[in-house]
Amino acid sequence: MAGMPPPTVEVSAAVVHALIRDQRPDLAGRPVVRVANGWDNATFRLGVDLAVRLPRRDEAVPLILHEQRYLPGIASRSPVPVPLPIHAGRPAPDFPWPWSIVRWVPGTAAVDAGPAGRAHAVEGLAEFLMALHVPADAGVPVNPVRGVPLPGRGAAVLERLRDRERYPQAAELKAVWARACAAPAWDGPAMMLHGDLHPANILLAANGSLAGVIDFGDVGAGDPAVDLAAGWLMFDAGTRQRFIDAFGPAVDRDTWARARGWALVLSTAMLSNSDDNPRMSSVGEFGIRQVLAG
């Protein structure tokens, strides 16, 4: 079974209560409820309007610090809510790393809606990405596996595609990959990126419109095509064309070609490593179907 990385530290509600009692006693009376246990972070709801995010493994510690540093700027220009940090937590005897209290972003994860239920989010997601994708300031980190030149991810993609039981369409997917890698590389300024934009991190309102975007641990600088891959992870072919059209001339054909390649990178990563997480596996399966659809 290929599952999520194991935690270095198990985070419990009791640990969260202790951290809050010691560092934010004004919030100590609020209920704490675990709501997510991702690859990198555990998230607990803190009362009605706040959440607590804590790394669950060593590799995730810089990601929390990146969120604390860069989310305020992103929040200032985002057309929808994002989990703005309001407290940068310090290491403590019961928890060895930095952690955050953030604004709770209400909404339903798009992963829990079918393709038709996501269609109303097209314009909102395009508007969010156009606001997010501005030239990055000096010093914004470059994630070595997100937003970098696409051919650099080839070894990982081709290794996953060797699993013929999981990928019976491997030959077709390799052809898609070759075409994406043949597209000219991004030659513009390094842009601000979400870095992990998929249906579990995209929230919908009751009417299906975009309600918010969460989980900015992979925020960084690079090729915006990695975020545009959400067109294949979120939407079926007809709705995806609306998504592409929403950007107009701001995004060229080469960038969309690379975005399809990034959709293959992200879909195979999820499908190959989520045997213990059916929701994420479903994102990977859907993405593979859409990548093959064009």
Protein backbone atom coordinates (compact mmCIF):
# COMPACT_ATOMS: atom_id res chain seq x y z
CA MET A 1 0.00 0.00 0.00
CA ALA A 2 1.27 3.46 -0.91
CA GLY A 3 0.00 5.94 1.67
CA MET A 4 0.68 9.35 3.16
CA PRO A 5 4.07 9.97 4.80
CA PRO A 6 4.07 8.90 8.45
CA PRO A 7 4.11 11.66 11.06
CA THR A 8 7.24 12.55 12.96
CA VAL A 9 5.07 13.90 15.78
CA GLU A 10 1.52 12.82 16.57
CA VAL A 11 -0.54 15.93 17.29
CA SER A 12 -3.55 15.56 19.61
CA ALA A 13 -6.27 17.93 20.71
CA ALA A 14 -4.73 17.85 24.18
CA VAL A 15 -1.45 19.19 22.81
CA VAL A 16 -3.30 21.96 20.96
CA HIS A 17 -5.21 22.90 24.12
CA ALA A 18 -1.91 23.15 26.03
CA LEU A 19 -0.28 25.33 23.37
CA ILE A 20 -3.23 27.69 23.31
CA ARG A 21 -3.51 27.84 27.09
CA ASP A 22 0.16 28.80 27.37
CA GLN A 23 0.51 31.17 24.40
CA ARG A 24 -3.01 32.51 23.76
CA PRO A 25 -4.89 32.21 27.04
CA ASP A 26 -7.57 34.55 25.68
CA LEU A 27 -8.61 31.69 23.35
CA ALA A 28 -8.22 28.85 25.86
CA GLY A 29 -11.95 28.35 26.45
CA ARG A 30 -12.72 27.50 22.83
CA PRO A 31 -13.43 23.93 21.70
CA VAL A 32 -10.71 22.21 19.65
CA VAL A 33 -11.75 19.68 16.98
CA ARG A 34 -9.48 17.94 14.47
CA VAL A 35 -10.70 18.63 10.92
CA ALA A 36 -7.82 17.50 8.70
CA ASN A 37 -4.70 15.37 8.81
CA GLY A 38 -2.81 16.01 5.59
CA TRP A 39 0.56 14.97 4.25
CA ASP A 40 2.28 17.86 5.99
CA ASN A 41 0.01 19.48 8.56
CA ALA A 42 -2.69 18.68 11.08
CA THR A 43 -5.52 21.21 11.26
CA PHE A 44 -7.87 21.73 14.20
CA ARG A 45 -10.88 24.02 14.30
CA LEU A 46 -10.69 26.47 17.19
CA GLY A 47 -14.17 27.66 18.01
CA VAL A 48 -16.23 29.04 15.14
CA ASP A 49 -13.90 31.43 13.32
CA LEU A 50 -10.33 30.17 13.86
CA ALA A 51 -8.19 27.11 13.11
CA VAL A 52 -4.83 25.79 14.31
CA ARG A 53 -2.27 24.41 11.85
CA LEU A 54 0.66 22.35 13.08
CA PRO A 55 3.37 20.45 11.17
CA ARG A 56 3.13 16.68 11.50
CA ARG A 57 6.59 15.91 10.10
CA ASP A 58 10.01 17.58 9.91
CA GLU A 59 9.76 18.46 6.23
CA ALA A 60 6.64 20.56 6.86
CA VAL A 61 8.19 22.97 9.37
CA PRO A 62 9.39 25.48 6.70
CA LEU A 63 5.94 25.34 5.12
CA ILE A 64 4.27 26.77 8.22
CA LEU A 65 6.85 29.56 8.29
CA HIS A 66 6.21 30.30 4.61
CA GLU A 67 2.47 30.59 5.26
CA GLN A 68 3.10 32.98 8.15
CA ARG A 69 5.34 35.17 6.01
CA TYR A 70 3.49 35.27 2.69
CA LEU A 71 -0.22 34.78 3.41
CA PRO A 72 -0.80 38.35 4.67
CA GLY A 73 0.26 39.74 1.28
CA ILE A 74 -1.81 37.18 -0.60
CA ALA A 75 -4.84 37.89 1.60
CA SER A 76 -4.59 41.60 0.86
CA ARG A 77 -5.24 41.05 -2.86
CA SER A 78 -7.27 37.81 -2.90
CA PRO A 79 -10.91 38.18 -3.99
CA VAL A 80 -11.90 35.29 -1.67
CA PRO A 81 -10.94 34.43 1.91
CA VAL A 82 -7.69 32.61 2.65
CA PRO A 83 -6.49 31.32 6.06
CA LEU A 84 -4.80 34.50 7.27
CA PRO A 85 -2.46 33.81 10.23
CA ILE A 86 -3.32 35.76 13.37
CA HIS A 87 -0.82 34.11 15.72
CA ALA A 88 2.63 32.62 15.07
CA GLY A 89 3.01 29.90 17.67
CA ARG A 90 6.34 29.07 19.32
CA PRO A 91 7.81 25.63 20.03
CA ALA A 92 6.95 24.27 23.45
CA PRO A 93 7.84 21.24 25.59
CA ASP A 94 4.91 19.25 24.15
CA PHE A 95 5.44 20.38 20.55
CA PRO A 96 8.90 21.09 19.07
CA TRP A 97 8.04 23.30 16.07
CA PRO A 98 6.39 26.59 15.09
CA TRP A 99 2.64 26.49 14.47
CA SER A 100 -0.14 28.91 13.54
CA ILE A 101 -3.59 30.11 14.47
CA VAL A 102 -5.38 31.22 11.30
CA ARG A 103 -8.77 32.53 10.25
CA TRP A 104 -11.23 29.71 9.55
CA VAL A 105 -12.39 29.78 5.93
CA PRO A 106 -15.95 28.41 5.65
CA GLY A 107 -17.04 26.35 2.67
CA THR A 108 -17.29 22.82 1.32
CA ALA A 109 -14.21 21.21 -0.21
CA ALA A 110 -14.62 20.91 -3.97
CA VAL A 111 -13.36 17.31 -3.74
CA ASP A 112 -16.70 16.46 -2.14
CA ALA A 113 -18.68 17.88 -5.07
CA GLY A 114 -19.02 16.25 -8.47
CA PRO A 115 -17.80 17.96 -11.65
CA ALA A 116 -21.20 19.59 -12.19
CA GLY A 117 -21.10 20.99 -8.66
CA ARG A 118 -17.76 22.67 -9.36
CA ALA A 119 -18.77 24.39 -12.58
CA HIS A 120 -19.98 27.57 -10.86
CA ALA A 121 -16.48 28.11 -9.43
CA VAL A 122 -14.84 28.67 -12.83
CA GLU A 123 -14.85 32.47 -12.91
CA GLY A 124 -14.03 32.83 -9.22
CA LEU A 125 -11.04 30.48 -9.45
CA ALA A 126 -9.73 32.29 -12.51
CA GLU A 127 -10.12 35.64 -10.73
CA PHE A 128 -8.28 34.29 -7.68
CA LEU A 129 -5.38 33.03 -9.77
CA MET A 130 -5.06 36.27 -11.69
CA ALA A 131 -4.84 38.11 -8.35
CA LEU A 132 -2.36 35.59 -6.92
CA HIS A 133 -0.01 35.41 -9.91
CA VAL A 134 2.04 38.57 -9.54
CA PRO A 135 5.85 38.76 -9.81
CA ALA A 136 7.40 37.39 -6.64
CA ASP A 137 9.64 39.52 -4.48
CA ALA A 138 13.28 38.57 -4.06
CA GLY A 139 13.70 35.82 -1.51
CA VAL A 140 10.38 34.07 -2.05
CA PRO A 141 11.27 30.36 -1.90
CA VAL A 142 11.37 28.11 -4.94
CA ASN A 143 9.80 24.73 -4.23
CA PRO A 144 12.02 22.09 -5.90
CA VAL A 145 8.96 20.07 -7.01
CA ARG A 146 6.43 22.82 -7.89
CA GLY A 147 6.64 25.54 -10.51
CA VAL A 148 10.09 24.47 -11.71
CA PRO A 149 10.92 23.56 -15.34
CA LEU A 150 8.59 20.70 -16.17
CA PRO A 151 11.17 18.21 -17.54
CA GLY A 152 12.78 18.15 -14.11
CA ARG A 153 9.78 16.19 -12.83
CA GLY A 154 10.13 13.56 -15.55
CA ALA A 155 11.91 10.91 -13.50
CA ALA A 156 9.17 10.92 -10.86
CA VAL A 157 6.34 10.84 -13.40
CA LEU A 158 7.85 8.04 -15.50
CA GLU A 159 8.60 5.99 -12.38
CA ARG A 160 4.95 6.21 -11.31
CA LEU A 161 3.76 5.24 -14.79
CA ARG A 162 5.73 1.99 -14.56
CA ASP A 163 2.92 0.78 -12.30
CA ARG A 164 0.83 -0.71 -15.13
CA GLU A 165 -1.85 -1.98 -12.75
CA ARG A 166 -2.49 1.56 -11.53
CA TYR A 167 -1.92 3.17 -14.94
CA PRO A 168 -3.18 0.91 -17.74
CA GLN A 169 -3.10 4.01 -20.00
CA ALA A 170 0.64 4.53 -19.39
CA ALA A 171 1.53 4.74 -23.09
CA GLU A 172 -1.02 7.49 -23.72
CA LEU A 173 0.06 9.35 -20.58
CA LYS A 174 3.72 9.20 -21.61
CA ALA A 175 2.76 10.77 -24.94
CA VAL A 176 0.92 13.57 -23.11
CA TRP A 177 3.98 14.07 -20.92
CA ALA A 178 6.31 14.29 -23.90
CA ARG A 179 4.14 16.95 -25.54
CA ALA A 180 3.95 18.99 -22.34
CA CYS A 181 7.72 18.86 -21.87
CA ALA A 182 8.21 19.98 -25.47
CA ALA A 183 6.42 23.27 -24.75
CA PRO A 184 8.77 26.24 -24.27
CA ALA A 185 9.74 26.85 -20.66
CA TRP A 186 8.34 29.79 -18.70
CA ASP A 187 10.48 32.81 -19.54
CA GLY A 188 8.68 35.47 -17.52
CA PRO A 189 9.39 36.60 -13.95
CA ALA A 190 8.98 34.06 -11.18
CA MET A 191 5.35 34.44 -10.11
CA MET A 192 3.75 33.93 -6.70
CA LEU A 193 2.25 30.44 -6.57
CA HIS A 194 -0.14 28.50 -4.37
CA GLY A 195 1.74 25.33 -5.36
CA ASP A 196 -0.85 22.77 -4.24
CA LEU A 197 -4.09 23.88 -5.87
CA HIS A 198 -6.46 20.93 -6.11
CA PRO A 199 -10.10 20.23 -5.14
CA ALA A 200 -9.33 19.44 -1.50
CA ASN A 201 -7.84 22.93 -1.08
CA ILE A 202 -10.57 24.79 -2.98
CA LEU A 203 -13.75 25.63 -1.05
CA LEU A 204 -17.21 26.14 -2.52
CA ALA A 205 -20.17 28.15 -1.27
CA ALA A 206 -23.67 26.65 -1.10
CA ASN A 207 -24.39 27.86 -4.64
CA GLY A 208 -21.19 26.28 -5.97
CA SER A 209 -19.25 29.52 -6.40
CA LEU A 210 -15.71 29.86 -5.05
CA ALA A 211 -15.78 30.44 -1.29
CA GLY A 212 -12.09 30.34 -0.45
CA VAL A 213 -8.70 28.71 -0.96
CA ILE A 214 -6.73 27.00 1.81
CA ASP A 215 -3.44 25.18 2.52
CA PHE A 216 -0.69 27.48 1.29
CA GLY A 217 2.19 25.40 2.64
CA ASP A 218 3.70 25.08 -0.85
CA VAL A 219 3.51 28.82 -1.52
CA GLY A 220 6.51 29.91 -3.55
CA ALA A 221 7.80 31.42 -6.77
CA GLY A 222 7.96 30.00 -10.27
CA ASP A 223 5.97 28.99 -13.34
CA PRO A 224 2.23 29.76 -12.89
CA ALA A 225 1.37 26.69 -14.99
CA VAL A 226 1.53 24.56 -11.84
CA ASP A 227 -1.52 26.35 -10.42
CA LEU A 228 -3.34 26.43 -13.76
CA ALA A 229 -3.26 22.62 -13.64
CA ALA A 230 -6.34 23.01 -11.43
CA GLY A 231 -8.28 23.21 -14.70
CA TRP A 232 -7.73 19.46 -15.14
CA LEU A 233 -8.04 18.56 -11.46
CA MET A 234 -11.30 20.49 -10.96
CA PHE A 235 -13.24 20.54 -14.23
CA ASP A 236 -14.41 18.31 -17.05
CA ALA A 237 -13.60 19.21 -20.66
CA GLY A 238 -16.42 21.66 -21.37
CA THR A 239 -16.09 23.50 -18.07
CA ARG A 240 -12.30 23.52 -18.40
CA GLN A 241 -12.62 25.40 -21.68
CA ARG A 242 -14.62 28.08 -19.84
CA PHE A 243 -11.81 28.22 -17.28
CA ILE A 244 -9.19 28.64 -20.00
CA ASP A 245 -11.28 31.28 -21.79
CA ALA A 246 -11.65 33.26 -18.54
CA PHE A 247 -7.93 34.15 -18.68
CA GLY A 248 -8.07 35.37 -22.27
CA PRO A 249 -4.71 36.50 -23.69
CA ALA A 250 -3.18 36.74 -20.19
CA VAL A 251 -2.18 33.05 -20.46
CA ASP A 252 -0.66 31.73 -23.69
CA ARG A 253 -0.96 28.30 -25.32
CA ASP A 254 2.49 27.18 -24.14
CA THR A 255 1.57 27.87 -20.52
CA TRP A 256 -1.63 25.85 -20.90
CA ALA A 257 0.41 23.01 -22.45
CA ARG A 258 2.70 23.00 -19.42
CA ALA A 259 -0.35 23.20 -17.13
CA ARG A 260 -1.64 19.94 -18.61
CA GLY A 261 1.76 18.41 -17.84
CA TRP A 262 1.59 19.68 -14.27
CA ALA A 263 -1.87 18.15 -13.98
CA LEU A 264 -0.25 14.82 -14.85
CA VAL A 265 2.47 15.39 -12.23
CA LEU A 266 -0.05 16.16 -9.50
CA SER A 267 -2.58 13.48 -10.50
CA THR A 268 0.01 10.71 -10.49
CA ALA A 269 1.44 11.94 -7.18
CA MET A 270 -1.99 11.69 -5.57
CA LEU A 271 -3.04 8.43 -7.21
CA SER A 272 0.26 6.70 -6.43
CA ASN A 273 0.39 7.78 -2.76
CA SER A 274 -3.18 7.83 -1.47
CA ASP A 275 -4.23 4.23 -0.91
CA ASP A 276 -5.12 5.30 2.64
CA ASN A 277 -6.94 8.48 1.55
CA PRO A 278 -9.88 7.82 -0.81
CA ARG A 279 -10.66 11.52 -1.27
CA MET A 280 -7.17 12.31 -2.57
CA SER A 281 -7.12 9.15 -4.65
CA SER A 282 -10.35 10.30 -6.29
CA VAL A 283 -8.70 13.62 -7.23
CA GLY A 284 -5.87 11.71 -8.90
CA GLU A 285 -8.24 9.42 -10.79
CA PHE A 286 -10.32 12.35 -12.04
CA GLY A 287 -7.20 14.26 -13.06
CA ILE A 288 -5.86 11.34 -15.08
CA ARG A 289 -9.16 11.07 -16.97
CA GLN A 290 -9.11 14.78 -17.74
CA VAL A 291 -5.46 14.79 -18.81
CA LEU A 292 -6.30 12.05 -21.30
CA ALA A 293 -9.34 13.99 -22.46
CA GLY A 294 -7.13 16.92 -23.48
